[in-house]
Amino acid sequence: MSKAFRAGSIRGIGPACAFLILLYALASCGAGPDPGLHARLAVQPGATWQPTWTPPPAPTAAPTATWVPLPSPAPEGEGGPSQASIPRLDAGEARDLVASGKAVLVDVRPLALYAELHAAGAISMPLHELVDCYEQLPPDVTLIFYCA
Protein backbone atom coordinates (compact mmCIF):
# COMPACT_ATOMS: atom_id res chain seq x y z
CA MET A 1 0.00 0.00 0.00
CA SER A 2 1.39 3.41 -0.87
CA LYS A 3 2.04 6.14 1.66
CA ALA A 4 -0.84 8.23 0.27
CA PHE A 5 -3.52 5.75 1.30
CA ARG A 6 -2.48 4.88 4.83
CA ALA A 7 -5.29 5.14 7.38
CA GLY A 8 -5.50 8.56 8.99
CA SER A 9 -3.23 10.26 6.45
CA ILE A 10 -4.21 12.48 3.54
CA ARG A 11 -0.66 13.45 2.64
CA GLY A 12 0.14 12.57 -0.89
CA ILE A 13 -3.40 13.24 -2.15
CA GLY A 14 -3.14 15.77 -4.88
CA PRO A 15 -4.76 19.21 -4.53
CA ALA A 16 -7.34 18.37 -7.19
CA CYS A 17 -8.41 15.25 -5.32
CA ALA A 18 -8.67 17.17 -2.03
CA PHE A 19 -10.76 19.83 -3.79
CA LEU A 20 -13.14 17.18 -5.18
CA ILE A 21 -13.58 15.66 -1.72
CA LEU A 22 -14.36 19.10 -0.27
CA LEU A 23 -16.78 19.88 -3.10
CA TYR A 24 -18.57 16.54 -2.59
CA ALA A 25 -18.82 17.19 1.18
CA LEU A 26 -20.32 20.65 0.65
CA ALA A 27 -22.79 19.41 -1.95
CA SER A 28 -23.99 16.62 0.32
CA CYS A 29 -24.64 19.13 3.15
CA GLY A 30 -27.04 21.12 1.03
CA ALA A 31 -24.58 23.97 0.61
CA GLY A 32 -25.34 24.22 -3.08
CA PRO A 33 -25.68 27.38 -5.15
CA ASP A 34 -28.45 29.83 -4.26
CA PRO A 35 -30.69 30.17 -7.33
CA GLY A 36 -32.23 33.46 -6.13
CA LEU A 37 -28.92 35.13 -5.40
CA HIS A 38 -28.45 36.53 -8.91
CA ALA A 39 -32.00 37.90 -8.98
CA ARG A 40 -31.52 39.66 -5.63
CA LEU A 41 -28.21 41.20 -6.60
CA ALA A 42 -28.78 42.08 -10.24
CA VAL A 43 -30.41 45.26 -11.44
CA GLN A 44 -33.69 44.33 -13.06
CA PRO A 45 -34.08 45.05 -16.79
CA GLY A 46 -35.13 48.64 -17.38
CA ALA A 47 -34.10 49.76 -13.89
CA THR A 48 -31.08 51.86 -13.22
CA TRP A 49 -28.92 51.53 -10.21
CA GLN A 50 -27.73 54.69 -8.55
CA PRO A 51 -25.32 54.62 -5.66
CA THR A 52 -26.47 56.55 -2.63
CA TRP A 53 -24.22 58.84 -0.67
CA THR A 54 -24.59 59.42 3.02
CA PRO A 55 -22.71 62.36 4.47
CA PRO A 56 -20.44 61.65 7.43
CA PRO A 57 -21.82 62.60 10.83
CA ALA A 58 -21.22 66.15 11.93
CA PRO A 59 -18.27 66.55 14.28
CA THR A 60 -19.19 66.91 17.91
CA ALA A 61 -17.51 69.15 20.41
CA ALA A 62 -14.94 67.50 22.62
CA PRO A 63 -16.05 67.08 26.22
CA THR A 64 -14.76 69.71 28.57
CA ALA A 65 -13.91 69.43 32.23
CA THR A 66 -16.01 71.39 34.67
CA TRP A 67 -14.49 72.66 37.89
CA VAL A 68 -16.57 71.88 40.94
CA PRO A 69 -15.34 73.40 44.18
CA LEU A 70 -15.16 71.18 47.23
CA PRO A 71 -17.54 72.14 50.00
CA SER A 72 -15.94 74.47 52.46
CA PRO A 73 -16.07 73.67 56.16
CA ALA A 74 -18.99 75.13 58.06
CA PRO A 75 -18.22 78.31 59.98
CA GLU A 76 -17.46 77.87 63.67
CA GLY A 77 -20.62 77.06 65.58
CA GLU A 78 -22.50 75.78 62.51
CA GLY A 79 -22.74 72.26 61.17
CA GLY A 80 -21.56 69.15 62.96
CA PRO A 81 -18.69 68.78 65.37
CA SER A 82 -15.15 68.62 64.08
CA GLN A 83 -13.44 65.24 64.02
CA ALA A 84 -10.96 66.45 66.64
CA SER A 85 -13.76 67.24 69.09
CA ILE A 86 -15.29 63.73 68.98
CA PRO A 87 -14.08 61.63 71.92
CA ARG A 88 -12.33 58.37 71.02
CA LEU A 89 -12.35 55.11 72.98
CA ASP A 90 -10.30 52.00 72.62
CA ALA A 91 -11.97 48.58 72.70
CA GLY A 92 -11.18 48.01 76.39
CA GLU A 93 -12.72 51.32 77.47
CA ALA A 94 -15.83 50.67 75.38
CA ARG A 95 -16.20 47.16 76.82
CA ASP A 96 -15.91 48.48 80.40
CA LEU A 97 -18.51 51.24 79.82
CA VAL A 98 -20.98 48.80 78.24
CA ALA A 99 -20.42 46.23 81.02
CA SER A 100 -21.09 48.87 83.69
CA GLY A 101 -24.35 49.91 81.98
CA LYS A 102 -23.09 53.45 81.37
CA ALA A 103 -22.94 53.07 77.57
CA VAL A 104 -24.67 51.35 74.65
CA LEU A 105 -22.89 50.21 71.49
CA VAL A 106 -24.68 51.30 68.29
CA ASP A 107 -23.66 49.52 65.07
CA VAL A 108 -24.37 51.92 62.18
CA ARG A 109 -23.54 49.46 59.38
CA PRO A 110 -26.25 47.99 57.09
CA LEU A 111 -28.39 45.32 58.75
CA ALA A 112 -26.91 42.53 56.59
CA LEU A 113 -23.41 43.27 57.90
CA TYR A 114 -24.72 43.50 61.48
CA ALA A 115 -26.37 40.09 61.05
CA GLU A 116 -23.08 38.55 59.90
CA LEU A 117 -21.03 39.76 62.86
CA HIS A 118 -21.33 42.48 65.48
CA ALA A 119 -19.91 43.43 68.84
CA ALA A 120 -21.52 41.70 71.81
CA GLY A 121 -24.40 43.76 73.19
CA ALA A 122 -24.51 46.16 70.23
CA ILE A 123 -27.80 47.33 68.78
CA SER A 124 -28.27 47.82 65.04
CA MET A 125 -29.21 51.24 63.73
CA PRO A 126 -28.00 51.71 60.13
CA LEU A 127 -26.62 55.16 59.48
CA HIS A 128 -29.37 56.07 57.01
CA GLU A 129 -32.00 55.35 59.72
CA LEU A 130 -30.18 57.10 62.54
CA VAL A 131 -31.89 60.48 62.18
CA ASP A 132 -35.38 58.95 62.06
CA CYS A 133 -34.79 56.50 64.93
CA TYR A 134 -32.63 58.64 67.21
CA GLU A 135 -35.49 59.00 69.71
CA GLN A 136 -35.47 55.22 70.28
CA LEU A 137 -31.96 55.36 71.73
CA PRO A 138 -31.74 55.53 75.53
CA PRO A 139 -31.24 59.17 76.60
CA ASP A 140 -29.50 58.54 79.92
CA VAL A 141 -26.46 56.59 78.69
CA THR A 142 -23.41 57.30 76.55
CA LEU A 143 -23.83 56.17 72.95
CA ILE A 144 -20.82 54.54 71.32
CA PHE A 145 -21.23 54.44 67.54
CA TYR A 146 -19.09 52.10 65.46
CA CYS A 147 -18.96 51.03 61.84
CA ALA A 148 -16.14 48.50 61.64
C-alpha atoms as a PDB file:
ATOM      1  CA  MET A   1       0.000   0.000   0.000  1.00  0.00           C
ATOM      2  CA  SER A   2       1.389   3.411  -0.867  1.00  0.00           C
ATOM      3  CA  LYS A   3       2.042   6.137   1.656  1.00  0.00           C
ATOM      4  CA  ALA A   4      -0.839   8.234   0.270  1.00  0.00           C
ATOM      5  CA  PHE A   5      -3.521   5.753   1.300  1.00  0.00           C
ATOM      6  CA  ARG A   6      -2.478   4.883   4.828  1.00  0.00           C
ATOM      7  CA  ALA A   7      -5.289   5.135   7.383  1.00  0.00           C
ATOM      8  CA  GLY A   8      -5.496   8.562   8.989  1.00  0.00           C
ATOM      9  CA  SER A   9      -3.233  10.259   6.454  1.00  0.00           C
ATOM     10  CA  ILE A  10      -4.205  12.476   3.542  1.00  0.00           C
ATOM     11  CA  ARG A  11      -0.663  13.448   2.639  1.00  0.00           C
ATOM     12  CA  GLY A  12       0.137  12.571  -0.886  1.00  0.00           C
ATOM     13  CA  ILE A  13      -3.396  13.245  -2.149  1.00  0.00           C
ATOM     14  CA  GLY A  14      -3.142  15.774  -4.882  1.00  0.00           C
ATOM     15  CA  PRO A  15      -4.755  19.206  -4.529  1.00  0.00           C
ATOM     16  CA  ALA A  16      -7.338  18.368  -7.192  1.00  0.00           C
ATOM     17  CA  CYS A  17      -8.414  15.246  -5.318  1.00  0.00           C
ATOM     18  CA  ALA A  18      -8.672  17.174  -2.031  1.00  0.00           C
ATOM     19  CA  PHE A  19     -10.762  19.830  -3.786  1.00  0.00           C
ATOM     20  CA  LEU A  20     -13.135  17.183  -5.176  1.00  0.00           C
ATOM     21  CA  ILE A  21     -13.581  15.663  -1.719  1.00  0.00           C
ATOM     22  CA  LEU A  22     -14.361  19.104  -0.271  1.00  0.00           C
ATOM     23  CA  LEU A  23     -16.782  19.875  -3.095  1.00  0.00           C
ATOM     24  CA  TYR A  24     -18.566  16.543  -2.586  1.00  0.00           C
ATOM     25  CA  ALA A  25     -18.818  17.193   1.183  1.00  0.00           C
ATOM     26  CA  LEU A  26     -20.315  20.651   0.651  1.00  0.00           C
ATOM     27  CA  ALA A  27     -22.789  19.413  -1.947  1.00  0.00           C
ATOM     28  CA  SER A  28     -23.995  16.621   0.319  1.00  0.00           C
ATOM     29  CA  CYS A  29     -24.639  19.134   3.150  1.00  0.00           C
ATOM     30  CA  GLY A  30     -27.043  21.116   1.029  1.00  0.00           C
ATOM     31  CA  ALA A  31     -24.582  23.968   0.607  1.00  0.00           C
ATOM     32  CA  GLY A  32     -25.337  24.218  -3.082  1.00  0.00           C
ATOM     33  CA  PRO A  33     -25.682  27.380  -5.149  1.00  0.00           C
ATOM     34  CA  ASP A  34     -28.446  29.831  -4.265  1.00  0.00           C
ATOM     35  CA  PRO A  35     -30.693  30.173  -7.329  1.00  0.00           C
ATOM     36  CA  GLY A  36     -32.231  33.455  -6.126  1.00  0.00           C
ATOM     37  CA  LEU A  37     -28.921  35.134  -5.396  1.00  0.00           C
ATOM     38  CA  HIS A  38     -28.448  36.529  -8.906  1.00  0.00           C
ATOM     39  CA  ALA A  39     -31.998  37.903  -8.978  1.00  0.00           C
ATOM     40  CA  ARG A  40     -31.516  39.660  -5.634  1.00  0.00           C
ATOM     41  CA  LEU A  41     -28.206  41.201  -6.601  1.00  0.00           C
ATOM     42  CA  ALA A  42     -28.780  42.076 -10.235  1.00  0.00           C
ATOM     43  CA  VAL A  43     -30.407  45.263 -11.439  1.00  0.00           C
ATOM     44  CA  GLN A  44     -33.685  44.326 -13.058  1.00  0.00           C
ATOM     45  CA  PRO A  45     -34.076  45.053 -16.788  1.00  0.00           C
ATOM     46  CA  GLY A  46     -35.133  48.636 -17.384  1.00  0.00           C
ATOM     47  CA  ALA A  47     -34.101  49.761 -13.894  1.00  0.00           C
ATOM     48  CA  THR A  48     -31.077  51.859 -13.218  1.00  0.00           C
ATOM     49  CA  TRP A  49     -28.917  51.529 -10.208  1.00  0.00           C
ATOM     50  CA  GLN A  50     -27.726  54.688  -8.549  1.00  0.00           C
ATOM     51  CA  PRO A  51     -25.317  54.623  -5.656  1.00  0.00           C
ATOM     52  CA  THR A  52     -26.469  56.550  -2.631  1.00  0.00           C
ATOM     53  CA  TRP A  53     -24.217  58.839  -0.673  1.00  0.00           C
ATOM     54  CA  THR A  54     -24.590  59.423   3.020  1.00  0.00           C
ATOM     55  CA  PRO A  55     -22.714  62.362   4.472  1.00  0.00           C
ATOM     56  CA  PRO A  56     -20.435  61.652   7.427  1.00  0.00           C
ATOM     57  CA  PRO A  57     -21.817  62.600  10.829  1.00  0.00           C
ATOM     58  CA  ALA A  58     -21.216  66.154  11.931  1.00  0.00           C
ATOM     59  CA  PRO A  59     -18.269  66.547  14.278  1.00  0.00           C
ATOM     60  CA  THR A  60     -19.186  66.914  17.914  1.00  0.00           C
ATOM     61  CA  ALA A  61     -17.506  69.149  20.413  1.00  0.00           C
ATOM     62  CA  ALA A  62     -14.938  67.504  22.623  1.00  0.00           C
ATOM     63  CA  PRO A  63     -16.053  67.076  26.223  1.00  0.00           C
ATOM     64  CA  THR A  64     -14.763  69.708  28.572  1.00  0.00           C
ATOM     65  CA  ALA A  65     -13.913  69.434  32.227  1.00  0.00           C
ATOM     66  CA  THR A  66     -16.007  71.387  34.671  1.00  0.00           C
ATOM     67  CA  TRP A  67     -14.492  72.662  37.885  1.00  0.00           C
ATOM     68  CA  VAL A  68     -16.572  71.881  40.940  1.00  0.00           C
ATOM     69  CA  PRO A  69     -15.340  73.395  44.185  1.00  0.00           C
ATOM     70  CA  LEU A  70     -15.157  71.177  47.226  1.00  0.00           C
ATOM     71  CA  PRO A  71     -17.540  72.136  50.001  1.00  0.00           C
ATOM     72  CA  SER A  72     -15.937  74.473  52.465  1.00  0.00           C
ATOM     73  CA  PRO A  73     -16.068  73.668  56.156  1.00  0.00           C
ATOM     74  CA  ALA A  74     -18.985  75.133  58.055  1.00  0.00           C
ATOM     75  CA  PRO A  75     -18.221  78.308  59.976  1.00  0.00           C
ATOM     76  CA  GLU A  76     -17.464  77.867  63.670  1.00  0.00           C
ATOM     77  CA  GLY A  77     -20.623  77.056  65.579  1.00  0.00           C
ATOM     78  CA  GLU A  78     -22.505  75.778  62.513  1.00  0.00           C
ATOM     79  CA  GLY A  79     -22.744  72.256  61.171  1.00  0.00           C
ATOM     80  CA  GLY A  80     -21.560  69.154  62.960  1.00  0.00           C
ATOM     81  CA  PRO A  81     -18.694  68.777  65.371  1.00  0.00           C
ATOM     82  CA  SER A  82     -15.148  68.621  64.077  1.00  0.00           C
ATOM     83  CA  GLN A  83     -13.438  65.240  64.024  1.00  0.00           C
ATOM     84  CA  ALA A  84     -10.962  66.449  66.640  1.00  0.00           C
ATOM     85  CA  SER A  85     -13.759  67.237  69.093  1.00  0.00           C
ATOM     86  CA  ILE A  86     -15.292  63.735  68.982  1.00  0.00           C
ATOM     87  CA  PRO A  87     -14.084  61.630  71.920  1.00  0.00           C
ATOM     88  CA  ARG A  88     -12.335  58.372  71.020  1.00  0.00           C
ATOM     89  CA  LEU A  89     -12.353  55.110  72.983  1.00  0.00           C
ATOM     90  CA  ASP A  90     -10.299  51.999  72.618  1.00  0.00           C
ATOM     91  CA  ALA A  91     -11.968  48.575  72.698  1.00  0.00           C
ATOM     92  CA  GLY A  92     -11.181  48.006  76.386  1.00  0.00           C
ATOM     93  CA  GLU A  93     -12.718  51.322  77.473  1.00  0.00           C
ATOM     94  CA  ALA A  94     -15.829  50.675  75.380  1.00  0.00           C
ATOM     95  CA  ARG A  95     -16.201  47.165  76.824  1.00  0.00           C
ATOM     96  CA  ASP A  96     -15.915  48.479  80.403  1.00  0.00           C
ATOM     97  CA  LEU A  97     -18.507  51.244  79.816  1.00  0.00           C
ATOM     98  CA  VAL A  98     -20.983  48.802  78.243  1.00  0.00           C
ATOM     99  CA  ALA A  99     -20.417  46.229  81.020  1.00  0.00           C
ATOM    100  CA  SER A 100     -21.093  48.865  83.691  1.00  0.00           C
ATOM    101  CA  GLY A 101     -24.345  49.905  81.977  1.00  0.00           C
ATOM    102  CA  LYS A 102     -23.094  53.454  81.371  1.00  0.00           C
ATOM    103  CA  ALA A 103     -22.936  53.068  77.568  1.00  0.00           C
ATOM    104  CA  VAL A 104     -24.665  51.355  74.648  1.00  0.00           C
ATOM    105  CA  LEU A 105     -22.892  50.205  71.487  1.00  0.00           C
ATOM    106  CA  VAL A 106     -24.677  51.297  68.290  1.00  0.00           C
ATOM    107  CA  ASP A 107     -23.664  49.522  65.065  1.00  0.00           C
ATOM    108  CA  VAL A 108     -24.372  51.924  62.178  1.00  0.00           C
ATOM    109  CA  ARG A 109     -23.544  49.459  59.380  1.00  0.00           C
ATOM    110  CA  PRO A 110     -26.250  47.990  57.087  1.00  0.00           C
ATOM    111  CA  LEU A 111     -28.389  45.321  58.748  1.00  0.00           C
ATOM    112  CA  ALA A 112     -26.909  42.531  56.590  1.00  0.00           C
ATOM    113  CA  LEU A 113     -23.409  43.270  57.903  1.00  0.00           C
ATOM    114  CA  TYR A 114     -24.718  43.498  61.475  1.00  0.00           C
ATOM    115  CA  ALA A 115     -26.373  40.095  61.052  1.00  0.00           C
ATOM    116  CA  GLU A 116     -23.079  38.552  59.896  1.00  0.00           C
ATOM    117  CA  LEU A 117     -21.033  39.765  62.855  1.00  0.00           C
ATOM    118  CA  HIS A 118     -21.328  42.483  65.475  1.00  0.00           C
ATOM    119  CA  ALA A 119     -19.908  43.430  68.845  1.00  0.00           C
ATOM    120  CA  ALA A 120     -21.521  41.697  71.807  1.00  0.00           C
ATOM    121  CA  GLY A 121     -24.403  43.762  73.188  1.00  0.00           C
ATOM    122  CA  ALA A 122     -24.506  46.163  70.225  1.00  0.00           C
ATOM    123  CA  ILE A 123     -27.801  47.331  68.777  1.00  0.00           C
ATOM    124  CA  SER A 124     -28.266  47.820  65.042  1.00  0.00           C
ATOM    125  CA  MET A 125     -29.210  51.239  63.728  1.00  0.00           C
ATOM    126  CA  PRO A 126     -28.001  51.708  60.133  1.00  0.00           C
ATOM    127  CA  LEU A 127     -26.622  55.162  59.482  1.00  0.00           C
ATOM    128  CA  HIS A 128     -29.375  56.069  57.005  1.00  0.00           C
ATOM    129  CA  GLU A 129     -31.995  55.349  59.720  1.00  0.00           C
ATOM    130  CA  LEU A 130     -30.175  57.101  62.536  1.00  0.00           C
ATOM    131  CA  VAL A 131     -31.889  60.483  62.177  1.00  0.00           C
ATOM    132  CA  ASP A 132     -35.376  58.946  62.055  1.00  0.00           C
ATOM    133  CA  CYS A 133     -34.793  56.497  64.931  1.00  0.00           C
ATOM    134  CA  TYR A 134     -32.634  58.635  67.212  1.00  0.00           C
ATOM    135  CA  GLU A 135     -35.491  59.004  69.709  1.00  0.00           C
ATOM    136  CA  GLN A 136     -35.468  55.223  70.280  1.00  0.00           C
ATOM    137  CA  LEU A 137     -31.961  55.364  71.732  1.00  0.00           C
ATOM    138  CA  PRO A 138     -31.741  55.526  75.527  1.00  0.00           C
ATOM    139  CA  PRO A 139     -31.237  59.175  76.597  1.00  0.00           C
ATOM    140  CA  ASP A 140     -29.501  58.537  79.918  1.00  0.00           C
ATOM    141  CA  VAL A 141     -26.461  56.586  78.688  1.00  0.00           C
ATOM    142  CA  THR A 142     -23.414  57.299  76.554  1.00  0.00           C
ATOM    143  CA  LEU A 143     -23.835  56.169  72.950  1.00  0.00           C
ATOM    144  CA  ILE A 144     -20.816  54.542  71.323  1.00  0.00           C
ATOM    145  CA  PHE A 145     -21.228  54.439  67.543  1.00  0.00           C
ATOM    146  CA  TYR A 146     -19.090  52.102  65.457  1.00  0.00           C
ATOM    147  CA  CYS A 147     -18.955  51.026  61.835  1.00  0.00           C
ATOM    148  CA  ALA A 148     -16.135  48.501  61.643  1.00  0.00           C
END
